[in-house]
Amino acid sequence: MAGVLEGLAGEMIAAGRTAAADIWDQIRTFAIPELKKIAVQIEALADPDSPWSRAEKKLLFKMQRDAAVSVSTLLPHPGGANLDTAASARDGRRPEPPA
């Protein structure tokens, strides 16, 4: 499953780079490791032997998704002042939580 994890992390990093294009050079040393950690957490939700119920997995997935958006769009700006940019940076696609 390492390939899936690397692919997920790569897509998250690419999305972060796009969403935070104007400040990516300033945040990349923080954002890349954080997005990789989030990808690990999302991948763990797909484990059929995980201790979480489906409802808990959905909630945990949403929390991880929101954290990934925050890393690239909200945290670099004091007080989360970039909420409008964060909302417009998303292209409307929402990945489905793992089964």
N, C-alpha and C. Protein backbone atom coordinates (compact mmCIF):
# COMPACT_ATOMS: atom_id res chain seq x y z
N MET A 1 0.80 -1.20 0.00
CA MET A 1 0.00 0.00 0.00
C MET A 1 0.84 1.26 0.00
N ALA A 2 2.14 1.10 0.03
CA ALA A 2 3.03 2.26 0.03
C ALA A 2 2.83 3.12 -1.21
N GLY A 3 2.58 2.47 -2.35
CA GLY A 3 2.35 3.23 -3.58
C GLY A 3 1.12 4.10 -3.50
N VAL A 4 0.06 3.57 -2.88
CA VAL A 4 -1.17 4.34 -2.71
C VAL A 4 -0.91 5.53 -1.80
N LEU A 5 -0.18 5.29 -0.71
CA LEU A 5 0.13 6.36 0.23
C LEU A 5 0.97 7.44 -0.44
N GLU A 6 1.98 7.04 -1.19
CA GLU A 6 2.82 8.02 -1.90
C GLU A 6 2.00 8.81 -2.91
N GLY A 7 1.08 8.12 -3.59
CA GLY A 7 0.23 8.79 -4.56
C GLY A 7 -0.69 9.80 -3.90
N LEU A 8 -1.28 9.41 -2.77
CA LEU A 8 -2.17 10.32 -2.04
C LEU A 8 -1.39 11.53 -1.54
N ALA A 9 -0.24 11.29 -0.93
CA ALA A 9 0.57 12.39 -0.44
C ALA A 9 0.99 13.31 -1.59
N GLY A 10 1.37 12.73 -2.71
CA GLY A 10 1.76 13.53 -3.87
C GLY A 10 0.62 14.40 -4.38
N GLU A 11 -0.58 13.84 -4.43
CA GLU A 11 -1.73 14.63 -4.87
C GLU A 11 -2.05 15.74 -3.89
N MET A 12 -1.94 15.44 -2.60
CA MET A 12 -2.21 16.47 -1.59
C MET A 12 -1.17 17.59 -1.67
N ILE A 13 0.07 17.24 -1.88
CA ILE A 13 1.13 18.25 -2.00
C ILE A 13 0.92 19.10 -3.25
N ALA A 14 0.56 18.46 -4.35
CA ALA A 14 0.30 19.21 -5.59
C ALA A 14 -0.88 20.16 -5.40
N ALA A 15 -1.93 19.69 -4.72
CA ALA A 15 -3.09 20.56 -4.47
C ALA A 15 -2.71 21.72 -3.56
N GLY A 16 -1.89 21.43 -2.55
CA GLY A 16 -1.43 22.50 -1.65
C GLY A 16 -0.59 23.52 -2.39
N ARG A 17 0.27 23.03 -3.27
CA ARG A 17 1.12 23.93 -4.06
C ARG A 17 0.26 24.84 -4.93
N THR A 18 -0.81 24.30 -5.49
CA THR A 18 -1.71 25.10 -6.33
C THR A 18 -2.51 26.09 -5.47
N ALA A 19 -3.06 25.61 -4.37
CA ALA A 19 -3.90 26.46 -3.52
C ALA A 19 -3.11 27.59 -2.88
N ALA A 20 -1.84 27.35 -2.60
CA ALA A 20 -1.02 28.35 -1.92
C ALA A 20 0.11 28.83 -2.82
N ALA A 21 -0.16 28.92 -4.10
CA ALA A 21 0.90 29.23 -5.07
C ALA A 21 1.67 30.50 -4.72
N ASP A 22 0.98 31.51 -4.22
CA ASP A 22 1.64 32.77 -3.93
C ASP A 22 2.57 32.71 -2.73
N ILE A 23 2.41 31.70 -1.87
CA ILE A 23 3.26 31.61 -0.68
C ILE A 23 3.93 30.25 -0.54
N TRP A 24 3.82 29.41 -1.57
CA TRP A 24 4.33 28.03 -1.46
C TRP A 24 5.79 27.98 -1.05
N ASP A 25 6.61 28.83 -1.62
CA ASP A 25 8.04 28.81 -1.28
C ASP A 25 8.27 29.09 0.21
N GLN A 26 7.38 29.87 0.82
CA GLN A 26 7.53 30.21 2.23
C GLN A 26 7.05 29.08 3.15
N ILE A 27 6.08 28.27 2.69
CA ILE A 27 5.49 27.27 3.58
C ILE A 27 5.86 25.83 3.24
N ARG A 28 6.55 25.62 2.14
CA ARG A 28 6.77 24.24 1.68
C ARG A 28 7.53 23.37 2.68
N THR A 29 8.48 23.93 3.41
CA THR A 29 9.22 23.10 4.36
C THR A 29 8.32 22.66 5.53
N PHE A 30 7.29 23.40 5.81
CA PHE A 30 6.30 23.01 6.82
C PHE A 30 5.20 22.16 6.19
N ALA A 31 4.70 22.60 5.06
CA ALA A 31 3.51 21.99 4.46
C ALA A 31 3.76 20.55 3.99
N ILE A 32 4.86 20.29 3.35
CA ILE A 32 5.10 18.95 2.79
C ILE A 32 5.10 17.87 3.87
N PRO A 33 5.87 18.01 4.96
CA PRO A 33 5.81 16.97 5.99
C PRO A 33 4.43 16.85 6.64
N GLU A 34 3.76 17.99 6.83
CA GLU A 34 2.43 17.94 7.45
C GLU A 34 1.43 17.22 6.54
N LEU A 35 1.48 17.51 5.25
CA LEU A 35 0.57 16.84 4.32
C LEU A 35 0.86 15.34 4.23
N LYS A 36 2.12 14.98 4.34
CA LYS A 36 2.47 13.55 4.36
C LYS A 36 1.91 12.87 5.60
N LYS A 37 1.99 13.53 6.75
CA LYS A 37 1.42 12.97 7.98
C LYS A 37 -0.09 12.79 7.85
N ILE A 38 -0.74 13.77 7.26
CA ILE A 38 -2.19 13.68 7.07
C ILE A 38 -2.52 12.52 6.13
N ALA A 39 -1.73 12.33 5.09
CA ALA A 39 -1.96 11.22 4.16
C ALA A 39 -1.85 9.88 4.89
N VAL A 40 -0.91 9.76 5.80
CA VAL A 40 -0.76 8.52 6.59
C VAL A 40 -2.03 8.28 7.41
N GLN A 41 -2.55 9.34 8.02
CA GLN A 41 -3.76 9.20 8.82
C GLN A 41 -4.96 8.80 7.96
N ILE A 42 -5.07 9.39 6.78
CA ILE A 42 -6.18 9.04 5.87
C ILE A 42 -6.05 7.59 5.42
N GLU A 43 -4.84 7.18 5.11
CA GLU A 43 -4.62 5.80 4.66
C GLU A 43 -5.00 4.81 5.76
N ALA A 44 -4.74 5.16 7.01
CA ALA A 44 -5.08 4.28 8.13
C ALA A 44 -6.59 4.08 8.24
N LEU A 45 -7.36 5.05 7.81
CA LEU A 45 -8.82 4.92 7.86
C LEU A 45 -9.33 3.86 6.89
N ALA A 46 -8.56 3.54 5.87
CA ALA A 46 -8.96 2.53 4.90
C ALA A 46 -8.68 1.11 5.37
N ASP A 47 -7.96 0.97 6.46
CA ASP A 47 -7.63 -0.36 6.98
C ASP A 47 -8.90 -1.06 7.46
N PRO A 48 -9.23 -2.21 6.88
CA PRO A 48 -10.46 -2.89 7.29
C PRO A 48 -10.44 -3.35 8.75
N ASP A 49 -9.27 -3.47 9.33
CA ASP A 49 -9.16 -3.88 10.73
C ASP A 49 -9.05 -2.69 11.69
N SER A 50 -9.32 -1.49 11.19
CA SER A 50 -9.22 -0.33 12.06
C SER A 50 -10.30 -0.41 13.15
N PRO A 51 -10.06 0.22 14.27
CA PRO A 51 -11.00 0.13 15.38
C PRO A 51 -12.21 1.06 15.26
N TRP A 52 -12.30 1.83 14.18
CA TRP A 52 -13.34 2.83 14.06
C TRP A 52 -14.55 2.32 13.28
N SER A 53 -15.71 2.78 13.67
CA SER A 53 -16.94 2.47 12.93
C SER A 53 -16.94 3.31 11.64
N ARG A 54 -17.87 2.98 10.75
CA ARG A 54 -17.98 3.75 9.50
C ARG A 54 -18.26 5.22 9.80
N ALA A 55 -19.15 5.49 10.75
CA ALA A 55 -19.46 6.88 11.11
C ALA A 55 -18.23 7.60 11.66
N GLU A 56 -17.47 6.90 12.49
CA GLU A 56 -16.25 7.50 13.04
C GLU A 56 -15.23 7.75 11.93
N LYS A 57 -15.13 6.82 10.99
CA LYS A 57 -14.20 7.01 9.87
C LYS A 57 -14.57 8.23 9.05
N LYS A 58 -15.86 8.43 8.82
CA LYS A 58 -16.31 9.61 8.05
C LYS A 58 -15.92 10.90 8.78
N LEU A 59 -16.13 10.92 10.07
CA LEU A 59 -15.79 12.10 10.85
C LEU A 59 -14.28 12.33 10.85
N LEU A 60 -13.51 11.28 11.08
CA LEU A 60 -12.05 11.40 11.08
C LEU A 60 -11.52 11.81 9.70
N PHE A 61 -12.14 11.29 8.64
CA PHE A 61 -11.74 11.67 7.28
C PHE A 61 -11.97 13.16 7.06
N LYS A 62 -13.15 13.64 7.48
CA LYS A 62 -13.46 15.06 7.31
C LYS A 62 -12.45 15.91 8.09
N MET A 63 -12.11 15.49 9.28
CA MET A 63 -11.13 16.24 10.07
C MET A 63 -9.78 16.28 9.37
N GLN A 64 -9.34 15.17 8.79
CA GLN A 64 -8.06 15.13 8.09
C GLN A 64 -8.11 15.98 6.82
N ARG A 65 -9.23 15.90 6.10
CA ARG A 65 -9.38 16.71 4.89
C ARG A 65 -9.31 18.19 5.23
N ASP A 66 -10.03 18.59 6.28
CA ASP A 66 -10.00 20.00 6.70
C ASP A 66 -8.60 20.42 7.15
N ALA A 67 -7.90 19.52 7.82
CA ALA A 67 -6.53 19.82 8.24
C ALA A 67 -5.63 20.04 7.03
N ALA A 68 -5.80 19.23 6.00
CA ALA A 68 -4.98 19.38 4.79
C ALA A 68 -5.23 20.72 4.13
N VAL A 69 -6.48 21.14 4.07
CA VAL A 69 -6.81 22.45 3.50
C VAL A 69 -6.19 23.55 4.36
N SER A 70 -6.28 23.40 5.66
CA SER A 70 -5.73 24.41 6.57
C SER A 70 -4.22 24.57 6.42
N VAL A 71 -3.52 23.47 6.24
CA VAL A 71 -2.06 23.53 6.10
C VAL A 71 -1.68 24.44 4.95
N SER A 72 -2.40 24.34 3.84
CA SER A 72 -2.02 25.08 2.64
C SER A 72 -2.65 26.45 2.52
N THR A 73 -3.77 26.67 3.18
CA THR A 73 -4.49 27.91 2.90
C THR A 73 -4.78 28.78 4.10
N LEU A 74 -4.92 28.21 5.27
CA LEU A 74 -5.29 29.02 6.42
C LEU A 74 -4.12 29.31 7.34
N LEU A 75 -3.37 28.29 7.71
CA LEU A 75 -2.31 28.47 8.69
C LEU A 75 -1.24 29.46 8.28
N PRO A 76 -0.88 29.55 6.99
CA PRO A 76 0.17 30.51 6.63
C PRO A 76 -0.21 31.96 6.87
N HIS A 77 -1.50 32.21 7.09
CA HIS A 77 -1.98 33.57 7.25
C HIS A 77 -2.44 33.76 8.68
N PRO A 78 -1.84 34.68 9.43
CA PRO A 78 -2.21 34.87 10.83
C PRO A 78 -3.71 35.03 11.01
N GLY A 79 -4.23 34.31 11.98
CA GLY A 79 -5.66 34.41 12.27
C GLY A 79 -6.53 33.74 11.23
N GLY A 80 -5.96 32.97 10.32
CA GLY A 80 -6.77 32.33 9.29
C GLY A 80 -7.45 33.35 8.39
N ALA A 81 -6.78 34.45 8.14
CA ALA A 81 -7.39 35.55 7.40
C ALA A 81 -7.66 35.22 5.95
N ASN A 82 -7.26 34.06 5.52
CA ASN A 82 -7.39 33.71 4.11
C ASN A 82 -8.58 32.78 3.85
N LEU A 83 -9.65 32.90 4.62
CA LEU A 83 -10.78 32.00 4.48
C LEU A 83 -11.40 32.05 3.09
N ASP A 84 -11.54 33.24 2.51
CA ASP A 84 -12.13 33.33 1.17
C ASP A 84 -11.26 32.61 0.15
N THR A 85 -9.96 32.78 0.24
CA THR A 85 -9.05 32.09 -0.68
C THR A 85 -9.13 30.59 -0.47
N ALA A 86 -9.23 30.17 0.78
CA ALA A 86 -9.32 28.73 1.07
C ALA A 86 -10.57 28.14 0.43
N ALA A 87 -11.67 28.84 0.56
CA ALA A 87 -12.92 28.34 -0.01
C ALA A 87 -12.86 28.32 -1.53
N SER A 88 -12.29 29.34 -2.13
CA SER A 88 -12.25 29.39 -3.60
C SER A 88 -11.17 28.49 -4.17
N ALA A 89 -10.19 28.09 -3.35
CA ALA A 89 -9.11 27.23 -3.84
C ALA A 89 -9.61 25.82 -4.13
N ARG A 90 -10.65 25.44 -3.45
CA ARG A 90 -11.21 24.10 -3.68
C ARG A 90 -11.98 24.10 -4.99
N ASP A 91 -11.85 23.04 -5.73
CA ASP A 91 -12.52 22.99 -7.04
C ASP A 91 -13.89 22.34 -6.96
N GLY A 92 -14.39 22.16 -5.76
CA GLY A 92 -15.70 21.59 -5.61
C GLY A 92 -15.72 20.08 -5.48
N ARG A 93 -14.62 19.44 -5.83
CA ARG A 93 -14.57 17.98 -5.69
C ARG A 93 -14.25 17.66 -4.25
N ARG A 94 -14.99 16.76 -3.70
CA ARG A 94 -14.72 16.28 -2.34
C ARG A 94 -14.47 14.79 -2.43
N PRO A 95 -13.29 14.35 -2.05
CA PRO A 95 -13.04 12.92 -2.10
C PRO A 95 -13.96 12.20 -1.14
N GLU A 96 -14.34 11.01 -1.50
CA GLU A 96 -15.20 10.20 -0.65
C GLU A 96 -14.37 9.57 0.47
N PRO A 97 -14.96 9.46 1.65
CA PRO A 97 -14.23 8.79 2.73
C PRO A 97 -14.05 7.32 2.39
N PRO A 98 -13.04 6.70 2.96
CA PRO A 98 -12.80 5.29 2.68
C PRO A 98 -13.98 4.45 3.15
N ALA A 99 -14.18 3.31 2.49
CA ALA A 99 -15.31 2.42 2.82
C ALA A 99 -15.17 1.79 4.17
